[in-house]
């Protein structure tokens, strides 16, 4: 948000802040959310890189297409463990996994 818009909103009585402030999340909680979003983005990128459909990924990891869609959307019902296991199953190396998971932290911190 640009400074002029922010100032206009604040002058109108609105409080402008981050999602972390609004939800009263600790730095650790926010970092976990960022890691989960990075894993979901990484899964979608890896699937596209391999030219696989969500159904094909589901078959590879023993899940359903709808579950893969939820994984790629970072749905709250999807665990970080499942996202990491799917990335590894698709051939993501441990060093690549580290880069994927730290990507959003580097841009948000």
N, C-alpha and C. Protein backbone atom coordinates (compact mmCIF):
# COMPACT_ATOMS: atom_id res chain seq x y z
N UNK A 1 0.85 -1.16 0.00
CA UNK A 1 0.00 0.00 0.00
C UNK A 1 0.90 1.23 0.00
N UNK A 2 0.57 2.19 -0.86
CA UNK A 2 1.41 3.38 -0.91
C UNK A 2 1.13 4.30 0.28
N UNK A 3 2.05 5.20 0.54
CA UNK A 3 1.98 6.07 1.73
C UNK A 3 0.75 6.96 1.71
N UNK A 4 0.39 7.47 0.55
CA UNK A 4 -0.76 8.38 0.45
C UNK A 4 -2.06 7.65 0.82
N UNK A 5 -2.22 6.43 0.32
CA UNK A 5 -3.42 5.65 0.63
C UNK A 5 -3.46 5.32 2.11
N UNK A 6 -2.31 4.93 2.65
CA UNK A 6 -2.23 4.60 4.07
C UNK A 6 -2.60 5.82 4.92
N UNK A 7 -2.05 6.98 4.58
CA UNK A 7 -2.34 8.20 5.33
C UNK A 7 -3.82 8.56 5.23
N UNK A 8 -4.40 8.41 4.06
CA UNK A 8 -5.81 8.71 3.86
C UNK A 8 -6.69 7.81 4.74
N UNK A 9 -6.38 6.52 4.78
CA UNK A 9 -7.14 5.58 5.60
C UNK A 9 -6.99 5.91 7.09
N UNK A 10 -5.76 6.19 7.51
CA UNK A 10 -5.53 6.51 8.92
C UNK A 10 -6.23 7.80 9.32
N UNK A 11 -6.24 8.78 8.43
CA UNK A 11 -6.93 10.05 8.71
C UNK A 11 -8.44 9.85 8.81
N UNK A 12 -8.95 8.82 8.14
CA UNK A 12 -10.37 8.52 8.19
C UNK A 12 -10.72 7.66 9.41
N UNK A 13 -9.70 7.35 10.23
CA UNK A 13 -9.96 6.59 11.45
C UNK A 13 -9.66 5.11 11.37
N UNK A 14 -9.17 4.65 10.24
CA UNK A 14 -8.84 3.23 10.08
C UNK A 14 -7.47 2.94 10.65
N UNK A 15 -7.30 1.76 11.19
CA UNK A 15 -5.99 1.31 11.66
C UNK A 15 -5.41 0.44 10.55
N UNK A 16 -4.21 0.73 10.13
CA UNK A 16 -3.56 0.00 9.06
C UNK A 16 -2.43 -0.83 9.67
N UNK A 17 -2.43 -2.12 9.37
CA UNK A 17 -1.39 -2.99 9.90
C UNK A 17 -1.27 -4.26 9.08
N UNK A 18 -0.50 -5.18 9.59
CA UNK A 18 -0.27 -6.44 8.88
C UNK A 18 -1.25 -7.51 9.35
N UNK A 19 -1.31 -8.59 8.61
CA UNK A 19 -2.13 -9.74 9.01
C UNK A 19 -1.62 -10.29 10.34
N UNK A 20 -0.32 -10.27 10.52
CA UNK A 20 0.26 -10.75 11.77
C UNK A 20 -0.24 -9.93 12.95
N UNK A 21 -0.28 -8.63 12.80
CA UNK A 21 -0.77 -7.76 13.87
C UNK A 21 -2.27 -7.98 14.10
N UNK A 22 -3.03 -8.07 13.01
CA UNK A 22 -4.47 -8.24 13.11
C UNK A 22 -4.84 -9.54 13.82
N UNK A 23 -4.12 -10.61 13.50
CA UNK A 23 -4.40 -11.92 14.09
C UNK A 23 -3.65 -12.16 15.39
N UNK A 24 -2.81 -11.20 15.78
CA UNK A 24 -2.01 -11.30 17.00
C UNK A 24 -1.16 -12.57 17.00
N UNK A 25 -0.44 -12.77 15.89
CA UNK A 25 0.41 -13.95 15.74
C UNK A 25 1.82 -13.63 16.20
N UNK A 26 2.45 -14.59 16.83
CA UNK A 26 3.86 -14.44 17.20
C UNK A 26 4.71 -14.54 15.93
N UNK A 27 5.96 -14.17 16.03
CA UNK A 27 6.87 -14.29 14.88
C UNK A 27 6.99 -15.76 14.46
N UNK A 28 7.02 -16.68 15.43
CA UNK A 28 7.13 -18.11 15.12
C UNK A 28 5.88 -18.60 14.39
N UNK A 29 4.71 -18.17 14.83
CA UNK A 29 3.47 -18.57 14.16
C UNK A 29 3.42 -18.03 12.73
N UNK A 30 3.86 -16.80 12.56
CA UNK A 30 3.87 -16.20 11.22
C UNK A 30 4.87 -16.92 10.32
N UNK A 31 6.02 -17.27 10.87
CA UNK A 31 7.03 -18.00 10.09
C UNK A 31 6.49 -19.35 9.64
N UNK A 32 5.77 -20.04 10.52
CA UNK A 32 5.20 -21.34 10.16
C UNK A 32 4.19 -21.19 9.01
N UNK A 33 3.38 -20.17 9.06
CA UNK A 33 2.43 -19.91 7.97
C UNK A 33 3.17 -19.66 6.67
N UNK A 34 4.22 -18.84 6.74
CA UNK A 34 5.01 -18.53 5.55
C UNK A 34 5.66 -19.79 4.97
N UNK A 35 6.16 -20.66 5.83
CA UNK A 35 6.78 -21.91 5.37
C UNK A 35 5.73 -22.80 4.69
N UNK A 36 4.55 -22.87 5.27
CA UNK A 36 3.50 -23.70 4.68
C UNK A 36 3.08 -23.16 3.31
N UNK A 37 2.95 -21.85 3.19
CA UNK A 37 2.60 -21.26 1.90
C UNK A 37 3.72 -21.51 0.89
N UNK A 38 4.97 -21.41 1.33
CA UNK A 38 6.10 -21.68 0.43
C UNK A 38 6.08 -23.12 -0.05
N UNK A 39 5.76 -24.05 0.85
CA UNK A 39 5.69 -25.47 0.47
C UNK A 39 4.57 -25.70 -0.54
N UNK A 40 3.42 -25.07 -0.33
CA UNK A 40 2.30 -25.21 -1.25
C UNK A 40 2.66 -24.65 -2.63
N UNK A 41 3.28 -23.48 -2.63
CA UNK A 41 3.72 -22.89 -3.91
C UNK A 41 4.76 -23.78 -4.58
N UNK A 42 5.68 -24.32 -3.78
CA UNK A 42 6.71 -25.20 -4.31
C UNK A 42 6.14 -26.46 -4.92
N UNK A 43 5.11 -27.01 -4.28
CA UNK A 43 4.47 -28.21 -4.82
C UNK A 43 3.83 -27.93 -6.17
N UNK A 44 3.11 -26.82 -6.26
CA UNK A 44 2.47 -26.45 -7.53
C UNK A 44 3.53 -26.23 -8.62
N UNK A 45 4.63 -25.54 -8.27
CA UNK A 45 5.70 -25.30 -9.24
C UNK A 45 6.35 -26.61 -9.68
N UNK A 46 6.60 -27.51 -8.74
CA UNK A 46 7.23 -28.80 -9.06
C UNK A 46 6.32 -29.63 -9.96
N UNK A 47 5.02 -29.63 -9.65
CA UNK A 47 4.06 -30.38 -10.48
C UNK A 47 4.07 -29.83 -11.91
N UNK A 48 4.06 -28.52 -12.04
CA UNK A 48 4.07 -27.91 -13.38
C UNK A 48 5.39 -28.17 -14.10
N UNK A 49 6.49 -28.10 -13.36
CA UNK A 49 7.81 -28.39 -13.92
C UNK A 49 7.85 -29.80 -14.50
N UNK A 50 7.24 -30.74 -13.79
CA UNK A 50 7.21 -32.13 -14.24
C UNK A 50 6.08 -32.41 -15.24
N UNK A 51 5.29 -31.38 -15.52
CA UNK A 51 4.16 -31.48 -16.46
C UNK A 51 3.18 -32.58 -16.04
N UNK A 52 2.86 -32.56 -14.75
CA UNK A 52 1.92 -33.53 -14.20
C UNK A 52 0.60 -32.84 -13.88
N UNK A 53 -0.47 -33.59 -13.94
CA UNK A 53 -1.76 -33.09 -13.48
C UNK A 53 -1.87 -33.32 -11.98
N UNK A 54 -2.85 -32.67 -11.37
CA UNK A 54 -3.09 -32.92 -9.95
C UNK A 54 -3.45 -34.38 -9.73
N UNK A 55 -4.17 -34.97 -10.65
CA UNK A 55 -4.56 -36.38 -10.53
C UNK A 55 -3.32 -37.27 -10.56
N UNK A 56 -2.38 -36.98 -11.45
CA UNK A 56 -1.15 -37.77 -11.53
C UNK A 56 -0.33 -37.66 -10.24
N UNK A 57 -0.26 -36.45 -9.69
CA UNK A 57 0.44 -36.27 -8.42
C UNK A 57 -0.27 -37.06 -7.33
N UNK A 58 -1.58 -36.99 -7.31
CA UNK A 58 -2.37 -37.72 -6.32
C UNK A 58 -2.07 -39.21 -6.38
N UNK A 59 -2.01 -39.75 -7.57
CA UNK A 59 -1.70 -41.17 -7.74
C UNK A 59 -0.31 -41.49 -7.21
N UNK A 60 0.66 -40.60 -7.45
CA UNK A 60 2.03 -40.82 -7.00
C UNK A 60 2.15 -40.81 -5.47
N UNK A 61 1.35 -39.98 -4.82
CA UNK A 61 1.47 -39.85 -3.37
C UNK A 61 0.39 -40.61 -2.62
N UNK A 62 -0.47 -41.32 -3.36
CA UNK A 62 -1.52 -42.10 -2.73
C UNK A 62 -2.62 -41.26 -2.13
N UNK A 63 -3.05 -40.25 -2.87
CA UNK A 63 -4.07 -39.35 -2.38
C UNK A 63 -5.10 -39.10 -3.48
N UNK A 64 -5.89 -38.05 -3.32
CA UNK A 64 -6.90 -37.71 -4.33
C UNK A 64 -6.56 -36.38 -4.99
N UNK A 65 -7.14 -36.16 -6.16
CA UNK A 65 -6.92 -34.90 -6.87
C UNK A 65 -7.39 -33.72 -6.02
N UNK A 66 -8.52 -33.87 -5.35
CA UNK A 66 -9.04 -32.75 -4.54
C UNK A 66 -8.10 -32.43 -3.39
N UNK A 67 -7.45 -33.45 -2.84
CA UNK A 67 -6.48 -33.23 -1.75
C UNK A 67 -5.26 -32.49 -2.28
N UNK A 68 -4.80 -32.85 -3.49
CA UNK A 68 -3.66 -32.14 -4.09
C UNK A 68 -4.03 -30.68 -4.33
N UNK A 69 -5.26 -30.43 -4.78
CA UNK A 69 -5.70 -29.04 -4.97
C UNK A 69 -5.66 -28.28 -3.65
N UNK A 70 -6.10 -28.92 -2.58
CA UNK A 70 -6.04 -28.29 -1.25
C UNK A 70 -4.60 -28.06 -0.82
N UNK A 71 -3.73 -29.01 -1.14
CA UNK A 71 -2.32 -28.87 -0.79
C UNK A 71 -1.72 -27.66 -1.49
N UNK A 72 -2.02 -27.51 -2.77
CA UNK A 72 -1.47 -26.40 -3.54
C UNK A 72 -2.05 -25.06 -3.10
N UNK A 73 -3.21 -25.08 -2.48
CA UNK A 73 -3.85 -23.85 -1.99
C UNK A 73 -3.49 -23.56 -0.53
N UNK A 74 -2.60 -24.38 0.06
CA UNK A 74 -2.21 -24.23 1.47
C UNK A 74 -3.42 -24.23 2.38
N UNK A 75 -4.37 -25.10 2.08
CA UNK A 75 -5.58 -25.23 2.89
C UNK A 75 -5.19 -25.56 4.34
N UNK A 76 -5.89 -24.98 5.31
CA UNK A 76 -5.55 -25.22 6.71
C UNK A 76 -5.66 -26.69 7.13
N UNK A 77 -6.41 -27.49 6.39
CA UNK A 77 -6.54 -28.91 6.76
C UNK A 77 -5.36 -29.74 6.30
N UNK A 78 -4.46 -29.15 5.53
CA UNK A 78 -3.29 -29.86 5.00
C UNK A 78 -2.10 -29.61 5.92
N UNK A 79 -1.45 -30.68 6.33
CA UNK A 79 -0.30 -30.53 7.22
C UNK A 79 0.97 -30.19 6.43
N UNK A 80 1.88 -29.54 7.11
CA UNK A 80 3.18 -29.26 6.52
C UNK A 80 3.89 -30.56 6.19
N UNK A 81 3.72 -31.57 7.05
CA UNK A 81 4.31 -32.88 6.83
C UNK A 81 3.88 -33.46 5.48
N UNK A 82 2.60 -33.38 5.16
CA UNK A 82 2.09 -33.90 3.89
C UNK A 82 2.68 -33.15 2.71
N UNK A 83 2.79 -31.83 2.83
CA UNK A 83 3.38 -31.03 1.76
C UNK A 83 4.84 -31.41 1.52
N UNK A 84 5.59 -31.58 2.60
CA UNK A 84 7.01 -31.94 2.48
C UNK A 84 7.15 -33.34 1.88
N UNK A 85 6.35 -34.28 2.36
CA UNK A 85 6.43 -35.64 1.81
C UNK A 85 6.09 -35.66 0.32
N UNK A 86 5.11 -34.87 -0.10
CA UNK A 86 4.75 -34.81 -1.52
C UNK A 86 5.90 -34.22 -2.35
N UNK A 87 6.51 -33.16 -1.85
CA UNK A 87 7.64 -32.57 -2.56
C UNK A 87 8.78 -33.58 -2.71
N UNK A 88 9.09 -34.28 -1.64
CA UNK A 88 10.15 -35.28 -1.71
C UNK A 88 9.79 -36.41 -2.66
N UNK A 89 8.55 -36.83 -2.65
CA UNK A 89 8.09 -37.91 -3.54
C UNK A 89 8.20 -37.51 -5.01
N UNK A 90 8.06 -36.20 -5.28
CA UNK A 90 8.17 -35.71 -6.65
C UNK A 90 9.62 -35.46 -7.07
N UNK A 91 10.55 -35.82 -6.19
CA UNK A 91 11.96 -35.73 -6.56
C UNK A 91 12.68 -34.48 -6.10
N UNK A 92 12.07 -33.71 -5.24
CA UNK A 92 12.73 -32.52 -4.70
C UNK A 92 13.83 -32.98 -3.75
N UNK A 93 15.04 -32.50 -3.98
CA UNK A 93 16.15 -32.87 -3.10
C UNK A 93 16.04 -32.11 -1.78
N UNK A 94 16.80 -32.55 -0.80
CA UNK A 94 16.76 -31.86 0.50
C UNK A 94 17.24 -30.42 0.38
N UNK A 95 18.27 -30.20 -0.43
CA UNK A 95 18.76 -28.82 -0.58
C UNK A 95 17.73 -27.96 -1.32
N UNK A 96 17.06 -28.53 -2.33
CA UNK A 96 16.00 -27.80 -3.03
C UNK A 96 14.85 -27.52 -2.07
N UNK A 97 14.53 -28.49 -1.23
CA UNK A 97 13.45 -28.32 -0.26
C UNK A 97 13.75 -27.16 0.68
N UNK A 98 14.98 -27.08 1.13
CA UNK A 98 15.38 -25.97 2.00
C UNK A 98 15.18 -24.63 1.33
N UNK A 99 15.53 -24.56 0.05
CA UNK A 99 15.35 -23.30 -0.70
C UNK A 99 13.87 -22.98 -0.86
N UNK A 100 13.07 -23.99 -1.17
CA UNK A 100 11.63 -23.79 -1.34
C UNK A 100 11.02 -23.25 -0.04
N UNK A 101 11.34 -23.90 1.08
CA UNK A 101 10.73 -23.54 2.35
C UNK A 101 11.19 -22.19 2.87
N UNK A 102 12.37 -21.75 2.49
CA UNK A 102 12.88 -20.48 2.98
C UNK A 102 12.56 -19.31 2.05
N UNK A 103 12.02 -19.59 0.89
CA UNK A 103 11.78 -18.55 -0.10
C UNK A 103 10.91 -17.41 0.42
N UNK A 104 9.77 -17.69 1.00
CA UNK A 104 8.87 -16.63 1.48
C UNK A 104 9.45 -15.93 2.71
N UNK A 105 10.20 -16.66 3.53
CA UNK A 105 10.79 -16.03 4.71
C UNK A 105 11.79 -14.97 4.30
N UNK A 106 12.53 -15.24 3.22
CA UNK A 106 13.52 -14.28 2.74
C UNK A 106 12.86 -13.01 2.20
N UNK A 107 11.68 -13.15 1.59
CA UNK A 107 11.02 -11.98 1.02
C UNK A 107 10.12 -11.25 2.01
N UNK A 108 9.71 -11.93 3.08
CA UNK A 108 8.80 -11.29 4.03
C UNK A 108 9.51 -10.69 5.24
N UNK A 109 10.71 -11.18 5.51
CA UNK A 109 11.42 -10.76 6.71
C UNK A 109 12.11 -9.49 6.51
